[in-house]
Amino acid sequence: MHKKVMACLAVFSILAPAAWAQTDTAHTDTSVIGMPIYTADGMKIGQVTTLGRYRGENSMIGEIGRLMGFGTRRVLIPDTMARVDNDRVILTITSDRVNELLEQPGQ
């Protein structure tokens, strides 16, 4: 599961819009758009901006803050890596893991 998460997080920066199929969405509840995104250990890291499908999997795109607060990055988050809990989206990985994935070279 974590290898899948790593692969998705590695791919999601800016590549998602080219392969994104917004019109082929299986999501019917757009209320998650605008919800904050939290890591499994409770750190707020961003906000959901779009819903859709990517490679046949229901997904969200979020704006994630970069390390030390310098700008944001668009990221693809498959539904299998997150759950909606009341007023927020919670990832299945910790903030340390998110930072590791965002720091990988070439991303």
Protein backbone atom coordinates (compact mmCIF):
# COMPACT_ATOMS: atom_id res chain seq x y z
CA MET A 1 0.00 0.00 0.00
CA HIS A 2 2.76 2.48 0.87
CA LYS A 3 4.51 1.82 -2.46
CA LYS A 4 1.25 2.70 -4.19
CA VAL A 5 0.99 5.88 -2.11
CA MET A 6 4.56 6.77 -2.92
CA ALA A 7 4.01 6.24 -6.63
CA CYS A 8 0.84 8.34 -6.62
CA LEU A 9 2.39 11.16 -4.64
CA ALA A 10 5.40 11.11 -6.94
CA VAL A 11 3.22 11.40 -10.03
CA PHE A 12 0.70 13.94 -8.85
CA SER A 13 2.57 17.20 -9.13
CA ILE A 14 1.37 18.97 -12.24
CA LEU A 15 1.17 15.72 -14.26
CA ALA A 16 -2.39 15.08 -13.14
CA PRO A 17 -4.10 17.73 -15.29
CA ALA A 18 -2.85 16.16 -18.54
CA ALA A 19 -4.32 12.74 -17.72
CA TRP A 20 -7.24 13.97 -15.65
CA ALA A 21 -10.73 13.00 -16.76
CA GLN A 22 -12.95 15.42 -14.88
CA THR A 23 -16.02 14.55 -16.95
CA ASP A 24 -15.60 10.82 -16.24
CA THR A 25 -15.99 11.27 -12.51
CA ALA A 26 -17.72 8.70 -10.34
CA HIS A 27 -17.92 11.19 -7.47
CA THR A 28 -21.36 12.57 -6.91
CA ASP A 29 -20.70 14.42 -3.65
CA THR A 30 -18.77 17.56 -4.48
CA SER A 31 -19.02 18.73 -0.87
CA VAL A 32 -15.42 17.57 -0.32
CA ILE A 33 -14.16 20.34 -2.59
CA GLY A 34 -12.72 23.00 -0.32
CA MET A 35 -12.28 20.63 2.62
CA PRO A 36 -8.94 20.76 4.42
CA ILE A 37 -6.57 17.81 4.01
CA TYR A 38 -4.94 16.35 7.12
CA THR A 39 -2.30 13.65 7.51
CA ALA A 40 -2.86 10.52 9.60
CA ASP A 41 -1.02 12.21 12.48
CA GLY A 42 -3.29 15.27 12.45
CA MET A 43 -1.29 17.89 10.54
CA LYS A 44 -3.23 20.15 8.15
CA ILE A 45 -1.36 20.17 4.83
CA GLY A 46 -3.75 21.53 2.23
CA GLN A 47 -7.19 21.67 0.66
CA VAL A 48 -9.19 19.61 -1.89
CA THR A 49 -9.63 21.54 -5.15
CA THR A 50 -11.01 19.02 -7.68
CA LEU A 51 -12.59 15.56 -7.99
CA GLY A 52 -12.35 13.04 -10.80
CA ARG A 53 -10.90 9.76 -11.96
CA TYR A 54 -7.29 8.96 -12.77
CA ARG A 55 -6.36 5.64 -14.38
CA GLY A 56 -9.78 4.29 -13.48
CA GLU A 57 -9.56 5.18 -9.80
CA ASN A 58 -11.68 7.79 -7.99
CA SER A 59 -9.36 10.57 -6.92
CA MET A 60 -9.05 14.08 -5.57
CA ILE A 61 -6.61 16.82 -6.42
CA GLY A 62 -5.46 18.99 -3.57
CA GLU A 63 -3.27 22.02 -3.11
CA ILE A 64 -0.60 20.96 -0.61
CA GLY A 65 1.70 23.40 1.16
CA ARG A 66 5.39 22.87 0.51
CA LEU A 67 8.00 22.33 3.16
CA MET A 68 8.68 25.48 5.18
CA GLY A 69 5.62 27.17 3.67
CA PHE A 70 7.08 28.16 0.30
CA GLY A 71 4.20 27.88 -2.16
CA THR A 72 1.91 24.97 -2.92
CA ARG A 73 1.92 21.88 -5.09
CA ARG A 74 -1.02 20.23 -6.83
CA VAL A 75 -1.23 16.59 -5.81
CA LEU A 76 -3.28 13.60 -6.90
CA ILE A 77 -4.82 11.68 -4.01
CA PRO A 78 -6.56 8.39 -4.85
CA ASP A 79 -9.62 7.70 -2.71
CA THR A 80 -7.84 4.58 -1.39
CA MET A 81 -5.30 6.88 0.30
CA ALA A 82 -7.81 9.09 2.09
CA ARG A 83 -11.11 9.13 3.92
CA VAL A 84 -13.63 11.87 4.58
CA ASP A 85 -14.24 12.45 8.28
CA ASN A 86 -16.96 15.05 8.95
CA ASP A 87 -15.43 18.32 7.74
CA ARG A 88 -12.01 17.11 6.56
CA VAL A 89 -10.12 14.64 4.39
CA ILE A 90 -7.64 12.48 6.28
CA LEU A 91 -4.76 10.75 4.48
CA THR A 92 -3.58 7.27 5.40
CA ILE A 93 0.03 8.48 5.71
CA THR A 94 1.79 10.71 8.23
CA SER A 95 3.16 14.21 7.69
CA ASP A 96 6.74 12.88 7.78
CA ARG A 97 5.92 10.50 4.93
CA VAL A 98 4.24 13.25 2.90
CA ASN A 99 7.33 15.45 3.31
CA GLU A 100 9.59 12.57 2.24
CA LEU A 101 7.54 12.02 -0.90
CA LEU A 102 7.41 15.71 -1.78
CA GLU A 103 11.18 16.09 -1.33
CA GLN A 104 12.09 13.34 -3.80
CA PRO A 105 14.26 14.63 -6.65
CA GLY A 106 12.64 15.17 -10.01
CA GLN A 107 9.21 15.80 -8.55
